[in-house]
C-alpha atoms as a PDB file:
ATOM      1  CA  MET A   1     -11.592 -77.717 -10.789  1.00  0.00           C
ATOM      2  CA  ARG A   2      -8.651 -75.708  -9.577  1.00  0.00           C
ATOM      3  CA  ASN A   3      -9.044 -72.203  -8.200  1.00  0.00           C
ATOM      4  CA  THR A   4      -7.216 -69.818 -10.411  1.00  0.00           C
ATOM      5  CA  GLU A   5      -6.239 -66.301  -9.430  1.00  0.00           C
ATOM      6  CA  LEU A   6      -6.911 -63.561 -11.851  1.00  0.00           C
ATOM      7  CA  ILE A   7      -3.981 -61.166 -12.060  1.00  0.00           C
ATOM      8  CA  ASN A   8      -4.700 -57.754 -13.510  1.00  0.00           C
ATOM      9  CA  ILE A   9      -1.642 -56.535 -15.302  1.00  0.00           C
ATOM     10  CA  GLU A  10      -1.783 -52.873 -16.281  1.00  0.00           C
ATOM     11  CA  PRO A  11      -0.625 -52.311 -19.795  1.00  0.00           C
ATOM     12  CA  PRO A  12       2.461 -50.121 -20.175  1.00  0.00           C
ATOM     13  CA  PRO A  13       1.779 -46.469 -20.902  1.00  0.00           C
ATOM     14  CA  SER A  14       1.378 -45.867 -24.539  1.00  0.00           C
ATOM     15  CA  ALA A  15       3.497 -43.462 -26.477  1.00  0.00           C
ATOM     16  CA  GLU A  16       0.503 -41.191 -26.853  1.00  0.00           C
ATOM     17  CA  HIS A  17       0.074 -41.033 -23.059  1.00  0.00           C
ATOM     18  CA  LYS A  18       3.744 -40.149 -22.584  1.00  0.00           C
ATOM     19  CA  PHE A  19       3.448 -37.488 -25.252  1.00  0.00           C
ATOM     20  CA  ASN A  20       0.411 -35.946 -23.522  1.00  0.00           C
ATOM     21  CA  PHE A  21       2.200 -35.916 -20.159  1.00  0.00           C
ATOM     22  CA  ARG A  22       5.271 -34.277 -21.627  1.00  0.00           C
ATOM     23  CA  GLY A  23       3.109 -31.794 -23.473  1.00  0.00           C
ATOM     24  CA  ARG A  24       1.265 -30.812 -20.296  1.00  0.00           C
ATOM     25  CA  PHE A  25       4.513 -30.508 -18.349  1.00  0.00           C
ATOM     26  CA  THR A  26       6.040 -28.381 -21.088  1.00  0.00           C
ATOM     27  CA  GLY A  27       2.957 -26.151 -21.199  1.00  0.00           C
ATOM     28  CA  LEU A  28       2.950 -25.757 -17.434  1.00  0.00           C
ATOM     29  CA  ALA A  29       6.647 -24.917 -17.383  1.00  0.00           C
ATOM     30  CA  ALA A  30       6.204 -22.412 -20.202  1.00  0.00           C
ATOM     31  CA  THR A  31       3.333 -20.754 -18.325  1.00  0.00           C
ATOM     32  CA  LEU A  32       4.766 -20.666 -14.813  1.00  0.00           C
ATOM     33  CA  GLY A  33       8.434 -20.468 -15.727  1.00  0.00           C
ATOM     34  CA  PRO A  34       8.573 -16.721 -16.478  1.00  0.00           C
ATOM     35  CA  VAL A  35       6.578 -15.931 -13.333  1.00  0.00           C
ATOM     36  CA  VAL A  36       8.856 -18.079 -11.163  1.00  0.00           C
ATOM     37  CA  LEU A  37      11.973 -16.534 -12.695  1.00  0.00           C
ATOM     38  CA  TRP A  38      10.558 -13.038 -12.251  1.00  0.00           C
ATOM     39  CA  MET A  39       9.706 -13.635  -8.581  1.00  0.00           C
ATOM     40  CA  LEU A  40      13.054 -15.281  -7.996  1.00  0.00           C
ATOM     41  CA  ALA A  41      15.087 -12.531  -9.643  1.00  0.00           C
ATOM     42  CA  PHE A  42      13.185  -9.468  -8.427  1.00  0.00           C
ATOM     43  CA  PHE A  43      11.725 -10.591  -5.092  1.00  0.00           C
ATOM     44  CA  ILE A  44      13.367 -13.616  -3.465  1.00  0.00           C
ATOM     45  CA  VAL A  45      16.973 -12.756  -4.333  1.00  0.00           C
ATOM     46  CA  PRO A  46      16.710  -9.060  -3.343  1.00  0.00           C
ATOM     47  CA  ILE A  47      15.044  -9.953  -0.043  1.00  0.00           C
ATOM     48  CA  PHE A  48      17.759 -12.520   0.645  1.00  0.00           C
ATOM     49  CA  MET A  49      20.447  -9.936  -0.134  1.00  0.00           C
ATOM     50  CA  ILE A  50      18.821  -7.377   2.184  1.00  0.00           C
ATOM     51  CA  VAL A  51      18.720  -9.939   5.008  1.00  0.00           C
ATOM     52  CA  VAL A  52      22.393 -10.817   4.482  1.00  0.00           C
ATOM     53  CA  TYR A  53      23.488  -7.166   4.295  1.00  0.00           C
ATOM     54  CA  SER A  54      21.611  -6.319   7.504  1.00  0.00           C
ATOM     55  CA  PHE A  55      24.008  -8.531   9.483  1.00  0.00           C
ATOM     56  CA  CYS A  56      27.148  -7.166   7.815  1.00  0.00           C
ATOM     57  CA  THR A  57      29.318  -4.149   8.560  1.00  0.00           C
ATOM     58  CA  ARG A  58      30.675  -1.251   6.516  1.00  0.00           C
ATOM     59  CA  ASP A  59      34.354  -0.421   6.223  1.00  0.00           C
ATOM     60  CA  ASP A  60      35.888   3.059   6.129  1.00  0.00           C
ATOM     61  CA  VAL A  61      35.447   3.504   2.388  1.00  0.00           C
ATOM     62  CA  GLY A  62      31.793   2.436   2.365  1.00  0.00           C
ATOM     63  CA  LYS A  63      32.239  -1.117   1.144  1.00  0.00           C
ATOM     64  CA  ILE A  64      30.386  -4.047   2.726  1.00  0.00           C
ATOM     65  CA  SER A  65      32.404  -6.223   5.071  1.00  0.00           C
ATOM     66  CA  TYR A  66      30.878  -9.662   5.547  1.00  0.00           C
ATOM     67  CA  THR A  67      31.390  -9.720   9.309  1.00  0.00           C
ATOM     68  CA  PHE A  68      28.420 -10.876  11.346  1.00  0.00           C
ATOM     69  CA  THR A  69      27.005  -8.247  13.716  1.00  0.00           C
ATOM     70  CA  LEU A  70      23.736  -7.206  15.344  1.00  0.00           C
ATOM     71  CA  GLY A  71      24.878  -3.627  15.736  1.00  0.00           C
ATOM     72  CA  ASN A  72      22.806  -2.394  12.805  1.00  0.00           C
ATOM     73  CA  PHE A  73      19.581  -3.446  14.515  1.00  0.00           C
ATOM     74  CA  SER A  74      20.585  -2.134  17.952  1.00  0.00           C
ATOM     75  CA  ARG A  75      21.603   1.191  16.402  1.00  0.00           C
ATOM     76  CA  PHE A  76      18.077   1.746  15.120  1.00  0.00           C
ATOM     77  CA  PHE A  77      16.749   1.847  18.700  1.00  0.00           C
ATOM     78  CA  ASP A  78      18.522   5.149  19.257  1.00  0.00           C
ATOM     79  CA  PRO A  79      15.958   7.804  20.359  1.00  0.00           C
ATOM     80  CA  MET A  80      16.606   9.842  17.204  1.00  0.00           C
ATOM     81  CA  TYR A  81      15.695   6.972  14.876  1.00  0.00           C
ATOM     82  CA  LEU A  82      12.765   5.926  17.048  1.00  0.00           C
ATOM     83  CA  LYS A  83      11.381   9.459  16.743  1.00  0.00           C
ATOM     84  CA  ILE A  84      11.661   9.212  12.953  1.00  0.00           C
ATOM     85  CA  LEU A  85       9.795   5.892  13.070  1.00  0.00           C
ATOM     86  CA  TRP A  86       7.118   7.399  15.325  1.00  0.00           C
ATOM     87  CA  ASP A  87       6.650  10.402  12.999  1.00  0.00           C
ATOM     88  CA  SER A  88       6.341   8.028  10.041  1.00  0.00           C
ATOM     89  CA  LEU A  89       3.688   5.935  11.781  1.00  0.00           C
ATOM     90  CA  VAL A  90       1.766   9.056  12.810  1.00  0.00           C
ATOM     91  CA  ILE A  91       1.750  10.474   9.278  1.00  0.00           C
ATOM     92  CA  SER A  92       0.772   7.088   7.833  1.00  0.00           C
ATOM     93  CA  LEU A  93      -2.060   6.770  10.332  1.00  0.00           C
ATOM     94  CA  ALA A  94      -3.233  10.335   9.706  1.00  0.00           C
ATOM     95  CA  THR A  95      -3.153   9.700   5.954  1.00  0.00           C
ATOM     96  CA  THR A  96      -5.224   6.550   6.399  1.00  0.00           C
ATOM     97  CA  VAL A  97      -7.793   8.265   8.619  1.00  0.00           C
ATOM     98  CA  LEU A  98      -8.197  11.252   6.295  1.00  0.00           C
ATOM     99  CA  CYS A  99      -8.491   9.029   3.230  1.00  0.00           C
ATOM    100  CA  LEU A 100     -11.171   7.007   5.026  1.00  0.00           C
ATOM    101  CA  LEU A 101     -13.098  10.083   6.193  1.00  0.00           C
ATOM    102  CA  PHE A 102     -13.160  11.618   2.714  1.00  0.00           C
ATOM    103  CA  GLY A 103     -13.185   8.384   0.728  1.00  0.00           C
ATOM    104  CA  TYR A 104     -16.109   6.607   2.381  1.00  0.00           C
ATOM    105  CA  PRO A 105     -18.748   9.295   1.581  1.00  0.00           C
ATOM    106  CA  PHE A 106     -17.386   9.632  -1.947  1.00  0.00           C
ATOM    107  CA  ALA A 107     -17.425   5.857  -2.533  1.00  0.00           C
ATOM    108  CA  TYR A 108     -20.952   5.649  -1.083  1.00  0.00           C
ATOM    109  CA  PHE A 109     -22.111   8.461  -3.355  1.00  0.00           C
ATOM    110  CA  VAL A 110     -20.610   6.759  -6.419  1.00  0.00           C
ATOM    111  CA  ALA A 111     -22.141   3.395  -5.502  1.00  0.00           C
ATOM    112  CA  ARG A 112     -25.611   4.921  -5.037  1.00  0.00           C
ATOM    113  CA  SER A 113     -25.496   7.080  -8.174  1.00  0.00           C
ATOM    114  CA  ARG A 114     -27.078   6.109 -11.477  1.00  0.00           C
ATOM    115  CA  LYS A 115     -25.172   3.805 -13.767  1.00  0.00           C
ATOM    116  CA  LYS A 116     -24.729   6.418 -16.496  1.00  0.00           C
ATOM    117  CA  TYR A 117     -23.012   8.748 -13.999  1.00  0.00           C
ATOM    118  CA  ARG A 118     -21.166   5.979 -12.168  1.00  0.00           C
ATOM    119  CA  THR A 119     -18.718   5.415 -15.030  1.00  0.00           C
ATOM    120  CA  ILE A 120     -17.813   9.107 -15.137  1.00  0.00           C
ATOM    121  CA  LEU A 121     -17.261   9.246 -11.384  1.00  0.00           C
ATOM    122  CA  LEU A 122     -15.091   6.134 -11.477  1.00  0.00           C
ATOM    123  CA  MET A 123     -13.042   7.702 -14.248  1.00  0.00           C
ATOM    124  CA  LEU A 124     -12.422  10.685 -11.978  1.00  0.00           C
ATOM    125  CA  ILE A 125     -10.992   8.288  -9.398  1.00  0.00           C
ATOM    126  CA  ILE A 126      -8.805   6.416 -11.867  1.00  0.00           C
ATOM    127  CA  LEU A 127      -7.716   9.522 -13.799  1.00  0.00           C
ATOM    128  CA  PRO A 128      -4.736  10.333 -11.496  1.00  0.00           C
ATOM    129  CA  PHE A 129      -3.195   6.952 -12.349  1.00  0.00           C
ATOM    130  CA  TRP A 130      -2.753   8.164 -15.925  1.00  0.00           C
ATOM    131  CA  THR A 131      -0.123  10.656 -14.771  1.00  0.00           C
ATOM    132  CA  ASN A 132       3.098   9.864 -12.959  1.00  0.00           C
ATOM    133  CA  SER A 133       2.821  10.538  -9.221  1.00  0.00           C
ATOM    134  CA  LEU A 134       6.109  12.443  -9.280  1.00  0.00           C
ATOM    135  CA  ILE A 135       4.712  14.882 -11.844  1.00  0.00           C
ATOM    136  CA  ARG A 136       1.573  15.355  -9.748  1.00  0.00           C
ATOM    137  CA  THR A 137       3.729  16.098  -6.707  1.00  0.00           C
ATOM    138  CA  TYR A 138       5.596  18.789  -8.631  1.00  0.00           C
ATOM    139  CA  ALA A 139       2.212  20.235  -9.610  1.00  0.00           C
ATOM    140  CA  TRP A 140       1.350  20.593  -5.922  1.00  0.00           C
ATOM    141  CA  ILE A 141       4.680  22.346  -5.347  1.00  0.00           C
ATOM    142  CA  ILE A 142       3.832  24.870  -8.071  1.00  0.00           C
ATOM    143  CA  LEU A 143       0.487  25.481  -6.385  1.00  0.00           C
ATOM    144  CA  LEU A 144       1.722  25.755  -2.799  1.00  0.00           C
ATOM    145  CA  ARG A 145       5.085  27.510  -2.974  1.00  0.00           C
ATOM    146  CA  THR A 146       5.424  31.120  -1.838  1.00  0.00           C
ATOM    147  CA  GLU A 147       5.506  32.370  -5.432  1.00  0.00           C
ATOM    148  CA  GLY A 148       2.957  29.791  -6.516  1.00  0.00           C
ATOM    149  CA  ILE A 149      -0.491  30.095  -8.010  1.00  0.00           C
ATOM    150  CA  ILE A 150      -2.450  30.040  -4.745  1.00  0.00           C
ATOM    151  CA  ASN A 151      -0.374  32.723  -3.008  1.00  0.00           C
ATOM    152  CA  THR A 152      -0.305  34.866  -6.153  1.00  0.00           C
ATOM    153  CA  TYR A 153      -4.086  34.894  -6.558  1.00  0.00           C
ATOM    154  CA  MET A 154      -4.697  35.441  -2.849  1.00  0.00           C
ATOM    155  CA  MET A 155      -2.352  38.419  -2.807  1.00  0.00           C
ATOM    156  CA  ASN A 156      -3.886  39.865  -5.993  1.00  0.00           C
ATOM    157  CA  LEU A 157      -7.320  39.575  -4.364  1.00  0.00           C
ATOM    158  CA  HIS A 158      -5.920  41.267  -1.227  1.00  0.00           C
ATOM    159  CA  LEU A 159      -6.870  38.286   0.925  1.00  0.00           C
ATOM    160  CA  ILE A 160      -3.365  38.117   2.395  1.00  0.00           C
ATOM    161  CA  LYS A 161      -0.585  40.674   2.767  1.00  0.00           C
ATOM    162  CA  GLU A 162       2.344  38.303   2.475  1.00  0.00           C
ATOM    163  CA  PRO A 163       2.729  34.816   1.041  1.00  0.00           C
ATOM    164  CA  LEU A 164       1.738  31.878   3.198  1.00  0.00           C
ATOM    165  CA  HIS A 165       4.337  29.207   3.928  1.00  0.00           C
ATOM    166  CA  MET A 166       2.418  26.132   2.807  1.00  0.00           C
ATOM    167  CA  LEU A 167       5.393  24.000   1.781  1.00  0.00           C
ATOM    168  CA  TYR A 168       8.161  22.170   3.649  1.00  0.00           C
ATOM    169  CA  ASN A 169       6.147  21.181   6.700  1.00  0.00           C
ATOM    170  CA  GLN A 170       4.165  18.187   7.922  1.00  0.00           C
ATOM    171  CA  GLY A 171       0.927  19.623   6.592  1.00  0.00           C
ATOM    172  CA  ALA A 172       2.283  19.708   3.047  1.00  0.00           C
ATOM    173  CA  VAL A 173       3.594  16.136   3.366  1.00  0.00           C
ATOM    174  CA  LEU A 174       0.237  14.974   4.697  1.00  0.00           C
ATOM    175  CA  LEU A 175      -1.570  16.705   1.833  1.00  0.00           C
ATOM    176  CA  GLY A 176       0.660  15.007  -0.722  1.00  0.00           C
ATOM    177  CA  MET A 177       0.193  11.625   0.933  1.00  0.00           C
ATOM    178  CA  VAL A 178      -3.597  11.928   1.045  1.00  0.00           C
ATOM    179  CA  TYR A 179      -3.779  13.068  -2.570  1.00  0.00           C
ATOM    180  CA  THR A 180      -1.582  10.183  -3.757  1.00  0.00           C
ATOM    181  CA  MET A 181      -3.216   7.410  -1.709  1.00  0.00           C
ATOM    182  CA  PHE A 182      -6.856   8.548  -1.962  1.00  0.00           C
ATOM    183  CA  PRO A 183      -7.776   6.291  -4.939  1.00  0.00           C
ATOM    184  CA  PHE A 184      -6.412   3.250  -3.093  1.00  0.00           C
ATOM    185  CA  MET A 185      -8.990   3.866  -0.372  1.00  0.00           C
ATOM    186  CA  VAL A 186     -11.943   4.684  -2.616  1.00  0.00           C
ATOM    187  CA  LEU A 187     -11.764   1.702  -4.969  1.00  0.00           C
ATOM    188  CA  PRO A 188     -12.014  -1.067  -2.318  1.00  0.00           C
ATOM    189  CA  LEU A 189     -14.756   0.876  -0.551  1.00  0.00           C
ATOM    190  CA  TYR A 190     -16.695   1.299  -3.773  1.00  0.00           C
ATOM    191  CA  SER A 191     -16.347  -2.410  -4.599  1.00  0.00           C
ATOM    192  CA  THR A 192     -17.810  -3.340  -1.199  1.00  0.00           C
ATOM    193  CA  ILE A 193     -20.552  -0.718  -1.048  1.00  0.00           C
ATOM    194  CA  GLU A 194     -21.727  -1.516  -4.583  1.00  0.00           C
ATOM    195  CA  LYS A 195     -22.500  -5.094  -3.517  1.00  0.00           C
ATOM    196  CA  LEU A 196     -24.335  -3.958  -0.401  1.00  0.00           C
ATOM    197  CA  ASP A 197     -27.964  -5.096  -0.210  1.00  0.00           C
ATOM    198  CA  PHE A 198     -29.702  -1.742   0.151  1.00  0.00           C
ATOM    199  CA  SER A 199     -33.001  -3.471   0.945  1.00  0.00           C
ATOM    200  CA  LEU A 200     -31.541  -4.070   4.417  1.00  0.00           C
ATOM    201  CA  LEU A 201     -31.251  -0.326   4.883  1.00  0.00           C
ATOM    202  CA  GLU A 202     -34.848   0.110   3.804  1.00  0.00           C
ATOM    203  CA  ALA A 203     -35.915  -2.619   6.231  1.00  0.00           C
ATOM    204  CA  ALA A 204     -34.082  -0.901   9.073  1.00  0.00           C
ATOM    205  CA  SER A 205     -35.781   2.372   8.197  1.00  0.00           C
ATOM    206  CA  ASP A 206     -39.203   0.674   8.130  1.00  0.00           C
ATOM    207  CA  LEU A 207     -38.520  -0.730  11.599  1.00  0.00           C
ATOM    208  CA  GLY A 208     -37.976   2.780  12.938  1.00  0.00           C
ATOM    209  CA  ALA A 209     -34.177   2.951  12.985  1.00  0.00           C
ATOM    210  CA  ARG A 210     -32.692   6.368  12.551  1.00  0.00           C
ATOM    211  CA  ARG A 211     -30.155   7.028   9.790  1.00  0.00           C
ATOM    212  CA  LYS A 212     -27.337   7.243  12.310  1.00  0.00           C
ATOM    213  CA  ASP A 213     -28.255   3.904  13.890  1.00  0.00           C
ATOM    214  CA  THR A 214     -28.705   2.296  10.468  1.00  0.00           C
ATOM    215  CA  PHE A 215     -25.278   3.469   9.377  1.00  0.00           C
ATOM    216  CA  VAL A 216     -23.544   2.313  12.555  1.00  0.00           C
ATOM    217  CA  ARG A 217     -25.342  -1.022  12.990  1.00  0.00           C
ATOM    218  CA  VAL A 218     -25.996  -2.068   9.394  1.00  0.00           C
ATOM    219  CA  THR A 219     -23.889  -0.218   6.830  1.00  0.00           C
ATOM    220  CA  LEU A 220     -20.553  -0.160   8.641  1.00  0.00           C
ATOM    221  CA  PRO A 221     -20.526  -3.858   9.628  1.00  0.00           C
ATOM    222  CA  LEU A 222     -21.497  -4.927   6.109  1.00  0.00           C
ATOM    223  CA  THR A 223     -18.723  -2.803   4.557  1.00  0.00           C
ATOM    224  CA  LYS A 224     -16.051  -3.663   7.124  1.00  0.00           C
ATOM    225  CA  SER A 225     -14.049  -5.712   4.642  1.00  0.00           C
ATOM    226  CA  GLY A 226     -13.774  -2.736   2.264  1.00  0.00           C
ATOM    227  CA  ILE A 227     -12.760  -0.441   5.113  1.00  0.00           C
ATOM    228  CA  LEU A 228     -10.026  -2.805   6.282  1.00  0.00           C
ATOM    229  CA  SER A 229      -8.828  -3.380   2.718  1.00  0.00           C
ATOM    230  CA  GLY A 230      -8.610   0.331   2.004  1.00  0.00           C
ATOM    231  CA  CYS A 231      -6.823   1.042   5.285  1.00  0.00           C
ATOM    232  CA  LEU A 232      -4.288  -1.668   4.564  1.00  0.00           C
ATOM    233  CA  LEU A 233      -3.720  -0.447   0.999  1.00  0.00           C
ATOM    234  CA  VAL A 234      -3.100   3.096   2.266  1.00  0.00           C
ATOM    235  CA  PHE A 235      -1.214   2.608   5.526  1.00  0.00           C
ATOM    236  CA  VAL A 236       1.410   0.098   4.365  1.00  0.00           C
ATOM    237  CA  PRO A 237       2.526   1.843   1.118  1.00  0.00           C
ATOM    238  CA  THR A 238       2.606   5.225   2.870  1.00  0.00           C
ATOM    239  CA  LEU A 239       5.463   3.990   5.051  1.00  0.00           C
ATOM    240  CA  GLY A 240       7.537   3.437   1.916  1.00  0.00           C
ATOM    241  CA  LEU A 241       6.868   6.696   0.053  1.00  0.00           C
ATOM    242  CA  PHE A 242      10.031   8.798   0.159  1.00  0.00           C
ATOM    243  CA  PHE A 243       9.707  11.245  -2.749  1.00  0.00           C
ATOM    244  CA  ILE A 244       6.738  13.120  -1.255  1.00  0.00           C
ATOM    245  CA  PRO A 245       8.536  13.955   2.041  1.00  0.00           C
ATOM    246  CA  ASP A 246      11.643  14.814   0.010  1.00  0.00           C
ATOM    247  CA  LEU A 247       9.854  17.219  -2.321  1.00  0.00           C
ATOM    248  CA  MET A 248       7.071  18.657  -0.141  1.00  0.00           C
ATOM    249  CA  GLY A 249       8.810  18.372   3.214  1.00  0.00           C
ATOM    250  CA  GLY A 250      12.283  19.454   2.222  1.00  0.00           C
ATOM    251  CA  SER A 251      15.073  18.912   4.712  1.00  0.00           C
ATOM    252  CA  LYS A 252      12.731  19.670   7.633  1.00  0.00           C
ATOM    253  CA  ILE A 253      10.760  16.414   7.395  1.00  0.00           C
ATOM    254  CA  THR A 254      12.541  13.067   7.581  1.00  0.00           C
ATOM    255  CA  LEU A 255      10.524   9.875   7.592  1.00  0.00           C
ATOM    256  CA  VAL A 256      11.745   6.316   7.809  1.00  0.00           C
ATOM    257  CA  SER A 257      11.481   5.934   4.025  1.00  0.00           C
ATOM    258  CA  ASN A 258      13.829   8.912   3.560  1.00  0.00           C
ATOM    259  CA  LEU A 259      16.157   7.461   6.167  1.00  0.00           C
ATOM    260  CA  ILE A 260      16.426   4.180   4.250  1.00  0.00           C
ATOM    261  CA  LYS A 261      16.958   5.989   0.953  1.00  0.00           C
ATOM    262  CA  ASN A 262      19.691   8.184   2.433  1.00  0.00           C
ATOM    263  CA  GLN A 263      21.506   5.198   3.932  1.00  0.00           C
ATOM    264  CA  PHE A 264      21.646   3.433   0.568  1.00  0.00           C
ATOM    265  CA  LEU A 265      22.386   6.427  -1.672  1.00  0.00           C
ATOM    266  CA  ALA A 266      23.937   9.267   0.337  1.00  0.00           C
ATOM    267  CA  SER A 267      25.641   7.666   3.339  1.00  0.00           C
ATOM    268  CA  ARG A 268      26.438   4.422   1.490  1.00  0.00           C
ATOM    269  CA  ASN A 269      25.748   2.508   4.680  1.00  0.00           C
ATOM    270  CA  TRP A 270      23.975  -0.445   3.095  1.00  0.00           C
ATOM    271  CA  PRO A 271      24.049  -2.685   6.208  1.00  0.00           C
ATOM    272  CA  PHE A 272      22.251  -0.114   8.354  1.00  0.00           C
ATOM    273  CA  GLY A 273      19.770   0.680   5.569  1.00  0.00           C
ATOM    274  CA  ALA A 274      19.098  -3.042   5.127  1.00  0.00           C
ATOM    275  CA  ALA A 275      18.516  -3.458   8.872  1.00  0.00           C
ATOM    276  CA  ILE A 276      15.988  -0.599   8.864  1.00  0.00           C
ATOM    277  CA  SER A 277      14.264  -2.192   5.860  1.00  0.00           C
ATOM    278  CA  ILE A 278      13.958  -5.509   7.698  1.00  0.00           C
ATOM    279  CA  ILE A 279      12.468  -3.765  10.740  1.00  0.00           C
ATOM    280  CA  ILE A 280       9.924  -1.936   8.566  1.00  0.00           C
ATOM    281  CA  MET A 281       8.981  -5.186   6.815  1.00  0.00           C
ATOM    282  CA  LEU A 282       8.401  -6.811  10.203  1.00  0.00           C
ATOM    283  CA  ILE A 283       6.210  -3.884  11.243  1.00  0.00           C
ATOM    284  CA  MET A 284       4.215  -4.234   8.013  1.00  0.00           C
ATOM    285  CA  PHE A 285       3.848  -7.958   8.644  1.00  0.00           C
ATOM    286  CA  LEU A 286       2.475  -7.266  12.134  1.00  0.00           C
ATOM    287  CA  ILE A 287       0.031  -4.746  10.670  1.00  0.00           C
ATOM    288  CA  MET A 288      -1.189  -7.323   8.159  1.00  0.00           C
ATOM    289  CA  ARG A 289      -1.589  -9.887  10.952  1.00  0.00           C
ATOM    290  CA  LEU A 290      -3.620  -7.338  12.895  1.00  0.00           C
ATOM    291  CA  PHE A 291      -5.751  -6.789   9.817  1.00  0.00           C
ATOM    292  CA  THR A 292      -6.377 -10.539   9.578  1.00  0.00           C
ATOM    293  CA  LYS A 293      -7.404 -10.751  13.220  1.00  0.00           C
ATOM    294  CA  LEU A 294      -9.803  -7.851  12.758  1.00  0.00           C
ATOM    295  CA  GLY A 295     -11.681 -10.043  10.309  1.00  0.00           C
ATOM    296  CA  GLY A 296     -10.562  -8.852   6.885  1.00  0.00           C
ATOM    297  CA  SER A 297      -9.759 -12.295   5.544  1.00  0.00           C
ATOM    298  CA  ARG A 298     -12.835 -13.904   7.073  1.00  0.00           C
ATOM    299  CA  ASP A 299     -15.111 -11.426   5.384  1.00  0.00           C
ATOM    300  CA  LYS A 300     -13.587 -12.308   2.003  1.00  0.00           C
ATOM    301  CA  MET A 301     -12.505  -8.788   1.356  1.00  0.00           C
ATOM    302  CA  GLU A 302     -12.164  -7.663  -2.188  1.00  0.00           C
ATOM    303  CA  VAL A 303      -9.186  -5.567  -3.119  1.00  0.00           C
ATOM    304  CA  MET A 304      -9.098  -3.741  -6.396  1.00  0.00           C
END
């Protein structure tokens, strides 16, 4: 008897199989297509244009000349621009610290409150998002200006003899920043604290640990991911806010966000404004890398 080899021949794909494959591909393209086009049109292309413009020059009439140069980046290292960058980083850091100092106790209080009150307290946090931030900034101007509500009532109550100058300084800018970015700190903190196992705190108390030691050794490490998430959500966007320094700081306060806006709109020096934008994006990238090394991604942080 001869040895015969059995050859398995796969049948050709049926028409139904081809139809299913085409249907899945069409469905996938219909689902991801708008997202890809959106990211391409409003993220990838603008970033590419900013990178190209940063290496160009500007002619005498303000038009872009496509001549390669590194002068836009070297110009930014002038002491005047470095001081603006330093002031921006200081205000962003101060905003982050103040939001954390005020936001952590508030988030802890909301997380430990009863469920029927928790919804109301969360609504108080989310309520500012229902109003445009520009309108809320103008509301602060009405409150703080020399003829504003606060100075008027204080003078009527004879608490002061002349109006206080509460606007157009760094304090006013810092107040506006903290007020605007406060919810972005509270929500990640609340999300982390709510999932905290409070039986661990009770166990630490039963073992004789004081409240201070329990907070430092138990609560803070377990909520580190929320702290890092909130700090990242506050610090990075604060560098890009330009309308608050414009409105509450006036011409006395110039941050790097105002500098970029002025280069694009007022000075019409797009190459220099693009170079500053690239530098700020690199700084933000380094901050995010620092956040990752501090352990935010390892702790599976939860952002709102």
